[in-house]
PDB file of N, CA and C in Angstrom:
ATOM      1  N   MET A   1      -5.245 -14.604   3.343  1.00  0.00           N
ATOM      2  CA  MET A   1      -3.923 -14.788   3.873  1.00  0.00           C
ATOM      3  C   MET A   1      -4.030 -14.819   5.393  1.00  0.00           C
ATOM      4  N   ARG A   2      -3.193 -15.628   6.035  1.00  0.00           N
ATOM      5  CA  ARG A   2      -3.156 -15.694   7.501  1.00  0.00           C
ATOM      6  C   ARG A   2      -1.803 -15.194   7.995  1.00  0.00           C
ATOM      7  N   ASN A   3      -1.839 -14.469   9.111  1.00  0.00           N
ATOM      8  CA  ASN A   3      -0.586 -13.996   9.693  1.00  0.00           C
ATOM      9  C   ASN A   3      -0.008 -15.074  10.616  1.00  0.00           C
ATOM     10  N   ASN A   4       1.094 -14.751  11.276  1.00  0.00           N
ATOM     11  CA  ASN A   4       1.768 -15.726  12.135  1.00  0.00           C
ATOM     12  C   ASN A   4       0.920 -16.186  13.314  1.00  0.00           C
ATOM     13  N   GLU A   5      -0.059 -15.379  13.706  1.00  0.00           N
ATOM     14  CA  GLU A   5      -0.953 -15.737  14.807  1.00  0.00           C
ATOM     15  C   GLU A   5      -2.190 -16.493  14.321  1.00  0.00           C
ATOM     16  N   GLY A   6      -2.255 -16.750  13.013  1.00  0.00           N
ATOM     17  CA  GLY A   6      -3.388 -17.478  12.451  1.00  0.00           C
ATOM     18  C   GLY A   6      -4.591 -16.611  12.139  1.00  0.00           C
ATOM     19  N   GLN A   7      -4.459 -15.298  12.272  1.00  0.00           N
ATOM     20  CA  GLN A   7      -5.560 -14.389  11.965  1.00  0.00           C
ATOM     21  C   GLN A   7      -5.638 -14.151  10.469  1.00  0.00           C
ATOM     22  N   THR A   8      -6.857 -14.044   9.966  1.00  0.00           N
ATOM     23  CA  THR A   8      -7.042 -13.742   8.556  1.00  0.00           C
ATOM     24  C   THR A   8      -6.758 -12.273   8.304  1.00  0.00           C
ATOM     25  N   VAL A   9      -5.946 -12.012   7.283  1.00  0.00           N
ATOM     26  CA  VAL A   9      -5.610 -10.651   6.878  1.00  0.00           C
ATOM     27  C   VAL A   9      -6.086 -10.489   5.442  1.00  0.00           C
ATOM     28  N   SER A  10      -6.828  -9.416   5.187  1.00  0.00           N
ATOM     29  CA  SER A  10      -7.328  -9.190   3.828  1.00  0.00           C
ATOM     30  C   SER A  10      -7.441  -7.693   3.577  1.00  0.00           C
ATOM     31  N   MET A  11      -7.569  -7.349   2.312  1.00  0.00           N
ATOM     32  CA  MET A  11      -7.778  -5.964   1.926  1.00  0.00           C
ATOM     33  C   MET A  11      -9.270  -5.661   2.073  1.00  0.00           C
ATOM     34  N   PHE A  12      -9.594  -4.437   2.463  1.00  0.00           N
ATOM     35  CA  PHE A  12     -10.992  -4.054   2.505  1.00  0.00           C
ATOM     36  C   PHE A  12     -11.571  -4.225   1.102  1.00  0.00           C
ATOM     37  N   PRO A  13     -12.765  -4.829   0.992  1.00  0.00           N
ATOM     38  CA  PRO A  13     -13.346  -5.057  -0.339  1.00  0.00           C
ATOM     39  C   PRO A  13     -13.462  -3.786  -1.178  1.00  0.00           C
ATOM     40  N   GLY A  14     -13.833  -2.670  -0.579  1.00  0.00           N
ATOM     41  CA  GLY A  14     -13.946  -1.417  -1.327  1.00  0.00           C
ATOM     42  C   GLY A  14     -12.602  -0.944  -1.855  1.00  0.00           C
ATOM     43  N   ALA A  15     -11.550  -1.134  -1.068  1.00  0.00           N
ATOM     44  CA  ALA A  15     -10.206  -0.753  -1.508  1.00  0.00           C
ATOM     45  C   ALA A  15      -9.767  -1.636  -2.666  1.00  0.00           C
ATOM     46  N   LEU A  16     -10.053  -2.917  -2.565  1.00  0.00           N
ATOM     47  CA  LEU A  16      -9.700  -3.845  -3.639  1.00  0.00           C
ATOM     48  C   LEU A  16     -10.454  -3.494  -4.920  1.00  0.00           C
ATOM     49  N   ASP A  17     -11.740  -3.192  -4.789  1.00  0.00           N
ATOM     50  CA  ASP A  17     -12.537  -2.786  -5.959  1.00  0.00           C
ATOM     51  C   ASP A  17     -11.960  -1.521  -6.598  1.00  0.00           C
ATOM     52  N   ALA A  18     -11.585  -0.548  -5.761  1.00  0.00           N
ATOM     53  CA  ALA A  18     -11.038   0.710  -6.282  1.00  0.00           C
ATOM     54  C   ALA A  18      -9.713   0.469  -7.011  1.00  0.00           C
ATOM     55  N   LEU A  19      -8.847  -0.351  -6.431  1.00  0.00           N
ATOM     56  CA  LEU A  19      -7.565  -0.645  -7.082  1.00  0.00           C
ATOM     57  C   LEU A  19      -7.777  -1.360  -8.417  1.00  0.00           C
ATOM     58  N   ARG A  20      -8.674  -2.317  -8.433  1.00  0.00           N
ATOM     59  CA  ARG A  20      -8.946  -3.043  -9.680  1.00  0.00           C
ATOM     60  C   ARG A  20      -9.512  -2.102 -10.738  1.00  0.00           C
ATOM     61  N   TYR A  21     -10.360  -1.188 -10.321  1.00  0.00           N
ATOM     62  CA  TYR A  21     -10.926  -0.216 -11.254  1.00  0.00           C
ATOM     63  C   TYR A  21      -9.819   0.660 -11.843  1.00  0.00           C
ATOM     64  N   ILE A  22      -8.963   1.170 -10.975  1.00  0.00           N
ATOM     65  CA  ILE A  22      -7.855   2.026 -11.440  1.00  0.00           C
ATOM     66  C   ILE A  22      -6.978   1.273 -12.427  1.00  0.00           C
ATOM     67  N   LEU A  23      -6.692   0.022 -12.124  1.00  0.00           N
ATOM     68  CA  LEU A  23      -5.769  -0.756 -12.960  1.00  0.00           C
ATOM     69  C   LEU A  23      -6.370  -1.222 -14.282  1.00  0.00           C
ATOM     70  N   THR A  24      -7.692  -1.236 -14.390  1.00  0.00           N
ATOM     71  CA  THR A  24      -8.322  -1.746 -15.615  1.00  0.00           C
ATOM     72  C   THR A  24      -9.035  -0.682 -16.436  1.00  0.00           C
ATOM     73  N   THR A  25      -9.013   0.550 -15.972  1.00  0.00           N
ATOM     74  CA  THR A  25      -9.696   1.629 -16.684  1.00  0.00           C
ATOM     75  C   THR A  25      -8.667   2.447 -17.465  1.00  0.00           C
ATOM     76  N   PRO A  26      -8.772   2.447 -18.798  1.00  0.00           N
ATOM     77  CA  PRO A  26      -7.773   3.140 -19.615  1.00  0.00           C
ATOM     78  C   PRO A  26      -7.535   4.599 -19.212  1.00  0.00           C
ATOM     79  N   GLU A  27      -8.584   5.301 -18.829  1.00  0.00           N
ATOM     80  CA  GLU A  27      -8.444   6.709 -18.459  1.00  0.00           C
ATOM     81  C   GLU A  27      -7.614   6.892 -17.188  1.00  0.00           C
ATOM     82  N   MET A  28      -7.387   5.843 -16.470  1.00  0.00           N
ATOM     83  CA  MET A  28      -6.661   5.922 -15.198  1.00  0.00           C
ATOM     84  C   MET A  28      -5.236   5.374 -15.307  1.00  0.00           C
ATOM     85  N   LYS A  29      -4.772   5.116 -16.517  1.00  0.00           N
ATOM     86  CA  LYS A  29      -3.488   4.438 -16.689  1.00  0.00           C
ATOM     87  C   LYS A  29      -2.304   5.211 -16.127  1.00  0.00           C
ATOM     88  N   ASN A  30      -2.423   6.511 -15.945  1.00  0.00           N
ATOM     89  CA  ASN A  30      -1.303   7.306 -15.436  1.00  0.00           C
ATOM     90  C   ASN A  30      -1.358   7.558 -13.929  1.00  0.00           C
ATOM     91  N   ILE A  31      -2.358   6.995 -13.276  1.00  0.00           N
ATOM     92  CA  ILE A  31      -2.461   7.171 -11.825  1.00  0.00           C
ATOM     93  C   ILE A  31      -1.368   6.367 -11.140  1.00  0.00           C
ATOM     94  N   GLN A  32      -0.735   7.000 -10.180  1.00  0.00           N
ATOM     95  CA  GLN A  32       0.289   6.330  -9.385  1.00  0.00           C
ATOM     96  C   GLN A  32      -0.291   6.009  -8.016  1.00  0.00           C
ATOM     97  N   ILE A  33       0.075   4.860  -7.481  1.00  0.00           N
ATOM     98  CA  ILE A  33      -0.500   4.378  -6.226  1.00  0.00           C
ATOM     99  C   ILE A  33       0.594   4.303  -5.166  1.00  0.00           C
ATOM    100  N   GLY A  34       0.266   4.814  -3.986  1.00  0.00           N
ATOM    101  CA  GLY A  34       1.193   4.766  -2.871  1.00  0.00           C
ATOM    102  C   GLY A  34       0.468   4.379  -1.598  1.00  0.00           C
ATOM    103  N   VAL A  35       1.239   3.942  -0.614  1.00  0.00           N
ATOM    104  CA  VAL A  35       0.684   3.577   0.683  1.00  0.00           C
ATOM    105  C   VAL A  35       1.533   4.185   1.790  1.00  0.00           C
ATOM    106  N   ALA A  36       0.887   4.406   2.926  1.00  0.00           N
ATOM    107  CA  ALA A  36       1.578   4.890   4.108  1.00  0.00           C
ATOM    108  C   ALA A  36       1.013   4.164   5.319  1.00  0.00           C
ATOM    109  N   SER A  37       1.894   3.793   6.233  1.00  0.00           N
ATOM    110  CA  SER A  37       1.482   3.132   7.464  1.00  0.00           C
ATOM    111  C   SER A  37       2.505   3.409   8.543  1.00  0.00           C
ATOM    112  N   SER A  38       2.025   3.743   9.726  1.00  0.00           N
ATOM    113  CA  SER A  38       2.939   3.956  10.849  1.00  0.00           C
ATOM    114  C   SER A  38       2.992   2.699  11.716  1.00  0.00           C
ATOM    115  N   SER A  39       2.946   1.574  11.063  1.00  0.00           N
ATOM    116  CA  SER A  39       2.963   0.283  11.744  1.00  0.00           C
ATOM    117  C   SER A  39       4.147   0.152  12.699  1.00  0.00           C
ATOM    118  N   PRO A  40       3.893  -0.321  13.921  1.00  0.00           N
ATOM    119  CA  PRO A  40       5.006  -0.537  14.846  1.00  0.00           C
ATOM    120  C   PRO A  40       5.850  -1.759  14.465  1.00  0.00           C
ATOM    121  N   ILE A  41       5.303  -2.615  13.607  1.00  0.00           N
ATOM    122  CA  ILE A  41       6.024  -3.807  13.143  1.00  0.00           C
ATOM    123  C   ILE A  41       6.001  -3.801  11.617  1.00  0.00           C
ATOM    124  N   PRO A  42       6.893  -3.015  10.987  1.00  0.00           N
ATOM    125  CA  PRO A  42       6.875  -2.846   9.535  1.00  0.00           C
ATOM    126  C   PRO A  42       6.960  -4.152   8.744  1.00  0.00           C
ATOM    127  N   ILE A  43       7.648  -5.153   9.251  1.00  0.00           N
ATOM    128  CA  ILE A  43       7.777  -6.408   8.504  1.00  0.00           C
ATOM    129  C   ILE A  43       6.405  -7.020   8.233  1.00  0.00           C
ATOM    130  N   ASN A  44       5.465  -6.835   9.156  1.00  0.00           N
ATOM    131  CA  ASN A  44       4.109  -7.355   8.930  1.00  0.00           C
ATOM    132  C   ASN A  44       3.433  -6.626   7.765  1.00  0.00           C
ATOM    133  N   SER A  45       3.633  -5.324   7.700  1.00  0.00           N
ATOM    134  CA  SER A  45       3.050  -4.544   6.597  1.00  0.00           C
ATOM    135  C   SER A  45       3.656  -4.958   5.264  1.00  0.00           C
ATOM    136  N   TYR A  46       4.977  -5.125   5.228  1.00  0.00           N
ATOM    137  CA  TYR A  46       5.638  -5.546   3.993  1.00  0.00           C
ATOM    138  C   TYR A  46       5.184  -6.942   3.575  1.00  0.00           C
ATOM    139  N   THR A  47       4.991  -7.824   4.544  1.00  0.00           N
ATOM    140  CA  THR A  47       4.510  -9.175   4.241  1.00  0.00           C
ATOM    141  C   THR A  47       3.130  -9.115   3.594  1.00  0.00           C
ATOM    142  N   CYS A  48       2.273  -8.258   4.111  1.00  0.00           N
ATOM    143  CA  CYS A  48       0.938  -8.098   3.518  1.00  0.00           C
ATOM    144  C   CYS A  48       1.037  -7.559   2.100  1.00  0.00           C
ATOM    145  N   LEU A  49       1.865  -6.548   1.895  1.00  0.00           N
ATOM    146  CA  LEU A  49       2.008  -5.974   0.551  1.00  0.00           C
ATOM    147  C   LEU A  49       2.509  -7.006  -0.455  1.00  0.00           C
ATOM    148  N   LYS A  50       3.359  -7.906  -0.005  1.00  0.00           N
ATOM    149  CA  LYS A  50       3.927  -8.921  -0.905  1.00  0.00           C
ATOM    150  C   LYS A  50       2.995 -10.104  -1.137  1.00  0.00           C
ATOM    151  N   ASN A  51       2.040 -10.328  -0.225  1.00  0.00           N
ATOM    152  CA  ASN A  51       1.210 -11.533  -0.322  1.00  0.00           C
ATOM    153  C   ASN A  51      -0.253 -11.303  -0.646  1.00  0.00           C
ATOM    154  N   LEU A  52      -0.771 -10.107  -0.376  1.00  0.00           N
ATOM    155  CA  LEU A  52      -2.156  -9.820  -0.753  1.00  0.00           C
ATOM    156  C   LEU A  52      -2.178  -9.469  -2.233  1.00  0.00           C
ATOM    157  N   GLU A  53      -3.046 -10.117  -2.971  1.00  0.00           N
ATOM    158  CA  GLU A  53      -3.077  -9.932  -4.422  1.00  0.00           C
ATOM    159  C   GLU A  53      -4.229  -9.040  -4.855  1.00  0.00           C
ATOM    160  N   VAL A  54      -3.923  -8.130  -5.764  1.00  0.00           N
ATOM    161  CA  VAL A  54      -4.949  -7.273  -6.362  1.00  0.00           C
ATOM    162  C   VAL A  54      -5.694  -8.080  -7.420  1.00  0.00           C
ATOM    163  N   PHE A  55      -4.958  -8.827  -8.195  1.00  0.00           N
ATOM    164  CA  PHE A  55      -5.469  -9.814  -9.152  1.00  0.00           C
ATOM    165  C   PHE A  55      -4.642 -11.078  -8.920  1.00  0.00           C
ATOM    166  N   PRO A  56      -5.140 -12.235  -9.321  1.00  0.00           N
ATOM    167  CA  PRO A  56      -4.338 -13.444  -9.147  1.00  0.00           C
ATOM    168  C   PRO A  56      -2.936 -13.279  -9.746  1.00  0.00           C
ATOM    169  N   GLY A  57      -1.930 -13.527  -8.934  1.00  0.00           N
ATOM    170  CA  GLY A  57      -0.553 -13.434  -9.379  1.00  0.00           C
ATOM    171  C   GLY A  57       0.036 -12.028  -9.356  1.00  0.00           C
ATOM    172  N   ILE A  58      -0.766 -11.027  -8.966  1.00  0.00           N
ATOM    173  CA  ILE A  58      -0.273  -9.638  -8.918  1.00  0.00           C
ATOM    174  C   ILE A  58      -0.401  -9.117  -7.483  1.00  0.00           C
ATOM    175  N   PRO A  59       0.694  -9.185  -6.727  1.00  0.00           N
ATOM    176  CA  PRO A  59       0.640  -8.692  -5.343  1.00  0.00           C
ATOM    177  C   PRO A  59       0.533  -7.170  -5.293  1.00  0.00           C
ATOM    178  N   PHE A  60      -0.062  -6.700  -4.233  1.00  0.00           N
ATOM    179  CA  PHE A  60      -0.245  -5.277  -3.998  1.00  0.00           C
ATOM    180  C   PHE A  60       1.080  -4.533  -4.144  1.00  0.00           C
ATOM    181  N   ALA A  61       2.161  -5.102  -3.648  1.00  0.00           N
ATOM    182  CA  ALA A  61       3.476  -4.451  -3.718  1.00  0.00           C
ATOM    183  C   ALA A  61       3.884  -4.129  -5.151  1.00  0.00           C
ATOM    184  N   ASN A  62       3.445  -4.920  -6.108  1.00  0.00           N
ATOM    185  CA  ASN A  62       3.860  -4.733  -7.507  1.00  0.00           C
ATOM    186  C   ASN A  62       3.187  -3.550  -8.198  1.00  0.00           C
ATOM    187  N   ILE A  63       2.134  -3.011  -7.618  1.00  0.00           N
ATOM    188  CA  ILE A  63       1.437  -1.898  -8.269  1.00  0.00           C
ATOM    189  C   ILE A  63       1.791  -0.553  -7.647  1.00  0.00           C
ATOM    190  N   LEU A  64       2.648  -0.546  -6.627  1.00  0.00           N
ATOM    191  CA  LEU A  64       2.961   0.681  -5.900  1.00  0.00           C
ATOM    192  C   LEU A  64       4.059   1.493  -6.575  1.00  0.00           C
ATOM    193  N   THR A  65       3.869   2.791  -6.553  1.00  0.00           N
ATOM    194  CA  THR A  65       4.886   3.731  -7.005  1.00  0.00           C
ATOM    195  C   THR A  65       5.754   4.144  -5.824  1.00  0.00           C
ATOM    196  N   VAL A  66       5.130   4.287  -4.661  1.00  0.00           N
ATOM    197  CA  VAL A  66       5.828   4.761  -3.469  1.00  0.00           C
ATOM    198  C   VAL A  66       5.186   4.153  -2.234  1.00  0.00           C
ATOM    199  N   GLU A  67       6.002   3.929  -1.206  1.00  0.00           N
ATOM    200  CA  GLU A  67       5.491   3.464   0.069  1.00  0.00           C
ATOM    201  C   GLU A  67       6.270   4.096   1.204  1.00  0.00           C
ATOM    202  N   GLN A  68       5.578   4.290   2.305  1.00  0.00           N
ATOM    203  CA  GLN A  68       6.177   4.769   3.546  1.00  0.00           C
ATOM    204  C   GLN A  68       5.630   3.872   4.645  1.00  0.00           C
ATOM    205  N   ILE A  69       6.431   2.932   5.097  1.00  0.00           N
ATOM    206  CA  ILE A  69       6.000   1.958   6.096  1.00  0.00           C
ATOM    207  C   ILE A  69       6.881   2.093   7.330  1.00  0.00           C
ATOM    208  N   GLY A  70       6.255   2.079   8.503  1.00  0.00           N
ATOM    209  CA  GLY A  70       6.994   2.142   9.754  1.00  0.00           C
ATOM    210  C   GLY A  70       7.103   3.566  10.268  1.00  0.00           C
ATOM    211  N   LYS A  71       7.826   3.712  11.328  1.00  0.00           N
ATOM    212  CA  LYS A  71       7.995   5.011  11.982  1.00  0.00           C
ATOM    213  C   LYS A  71       9.111   5.783  11.303  1.00  0.00           C
ATOM    214  N   LYS A  72       8.792   6.471  10.229  1.00  0.00           N
ATOM    215  CA  LYS A  72       9.775   7.259   9.481  1.00  0.00           C
ATOM    216  C   LYS A  72       9.565   8.728   9.793  1.00  0.00           C
ATOM    217  N   GLY A  73      10.526   9.337  10.429  1.00  0.00           N
ATOM    218  CA  GLY A  73      10.399  10.752  10.750  1.00  0.00           C
ATOM    219  C   GLY A  73       9.640  10.999  12.032  1.00  0.00           C
ATOM    220  N   GLY A  74       9.716  10.061  12.976  1.00  0.00           N
ATOM    221  CA  GLY A  74       9.037  10.237  14.254  1.00  0.00           C
ATOM    222  C   GLY A  74       7.650   9.628  14.242  1.00  0.00           C
ATOM    223  N   ASP A  75       6.902   9.940  15.274  1.00  0.00           N
ATOM    224  CA  ASP A  75       5.574   9.346  15.437  1.00  0.00           C
ATOM    225  C   ASP A  75       4.481  10.054  14.653  1.00  0.00           C
ATOM    226  N   ALA A  76       4.764  11.231  14.124  1.00  0.00           N
ATOM    227  CA  ALA A  76       3.737  11.993  13.430  1.00  0.00           C
ATOM    228  C   ALA A  76       3.379  11.339  12.099  1.00  0.00           C
ATOM    229  N   LYS A  77       2.111  10.964  11.964  1.00  0.00           N
ATOM    230  CA  LYS A  77       1.666  10.304  10.736  1.00  0.00           C
ATOM    231  C   LYS A  77       1.804  11.202   9.519  1.00  0.00           C
ATOM    232  N   TYR A  78       1.661  12.504   9.700  1.00  0.00           N
ATOM    233  CA  TYR A  78       1.759  13.413   8.553  1.00  0.00           C
ATOM    234  C   TYR A  78       3.132  13.359   7.906  1.00  0.00           C
ATOM    235  N   LYS A  79       4.154  12.926   8.639  1.00  0.00           N
ATOM    236  CA  LYS A  79       5.507  12.868   8.088  1.00  0.00           C
ATOM    237  C   LYS A  79       5.567  11.920   6.894  1.00  0.00           C
ATOM    238  N   HIS A  80       4.765  10.854   6.922  1.00  0.00           N
ATOM    239  CA  HIS A  80       4.711   9.934   5.781  1.00  0.00           C
ATOM    240  C   HIS A  80       4.323  10.687   4.511  1.00  0.00           C
ATOM    241  N   PHE A  81       3.336  11.540   4.622  1.00  0.00           N
ATOM    242  CA  PHE A  81       2.853  12.255   3.447  1.00  0.00           C
ATOM    243  C   PHE A  81       3.866  13.288   2.975  1.00  0.00           C
ATOM    244  N   GLU A  82       4.577  13.901   3.902  1.00  0.00           N
ATOM    245  CA  GLU A  82       5.655  14.812   3.512  1.00  0.00           C
ATOM    246  C   GLU A  82       6.747  14.053   2.769  1.00  0.00           C
ATOM    247  N   ASN A  83       7.089  12.856   3.255  1.00  0.00           N
ATOM    248  CA  ASN A  83       8.111  12.042   2.596  1.00  0.00           C
ATOM    249  C   ASN A  83       7.659  11.608   1.206  1.00  0.00           C
ATOM    250  N   ILE A  84       6.394  11.238   1.080  1.00  0.00           N
ATOM    251  CA  ILE A  84       5.862  10.838  -0.228  1.00  0.00           C
ATOM    252  C   ILE A  84       5.883  12.033  -1.181  1.00  0.00           C
ATOM    253  N   GLN A  85       5.468  13.187  -0.692  1.00  0.00           N
ATOM    254  CA  GLN A  85       5.482  14.397  -1.518  1.00  0.00           C
ATOM    255  C   GLN A  85       6.904  14.700  -1.973  1.00  0.00           C
ATOM    256  N   GLU A  86       7.856  14.589  -1.073  1.00  0.00           N
ATOM    257  CA  GLU A  86       9.251  14.870  -1.411  1.00  0.00           C
ATOM    258  C   GLU A  86       9.784  13.893  -2.444  1.00  0.00           C
ATOM    259  N   SER A  87       9.445  12.614  -2.303  1.00  0.00           N
ATOM    260  CA  SER A  87       9.999  11.612  -3.218  1.00  0.00           C
ATOM    261  C   SER A  87       9.319  11.597  -4.582  1.00  0.00           C
ATOM    262  N   THR A  88       8.055  12.068  -4.643  1.00  0.00           N
ATOM    263  CA  THR A  88       7.332  12.024  -5.916  1.00  0.00           C
ATOM    264  C   THR A  88       7.189  13.384  -6.576  1.00  0.00           C
ATOM    265  N   GLY A  89       7.240  14.441  -5.776  1.00  0.00           N
ATOM    266  CA  GLY A  89       6.998  15.781  -6.308  1.00  0.00           C
ATOM    267  C   GLY A  89       5.529  16.139  -6.386  1.00  0.00           C
ATOM    268  N   PHE A  90       4.670  15.213  -5.976  1.00  0.00           N
ATOM    269  CA  PHE A  90       3.221  15.478  -5.992  1.00  0.00           C
ATOM    270  C   PHE A  90       2.787  16.190  -4.733  1.00  0.00           C
ATOM    271  N   GLU A  91       1.781  17.037  -4.871  1.00  0.00           N
ATOM    272  CA  GLU A  91       1.219  17.729  -3.704  1.00  0.00           C
ATOM    273  C   GLU A  91      -0.103  17.152  -3.336  1.00  0.00           C
TER     274      GLU A  91
END
């Protein structure tokens, strides 16, 4: 995928391998996937989630249980994890 500046944007190969493993391994069927980013331009992050595919026809956004994108709760990155914990109940 290319961004508006023509730069190639892709998922790290190891991350893609891990996601594919989680999604295709029966023992992992109950794992929930979330993302957090303190991106200064959240629309770019959302565009990536909607356009980068884990498998053909399956965008990354479609496999997420929870996301925290942008400056939510100030500049502290840990706030994303507090928000995810609050919304999911997971520690």
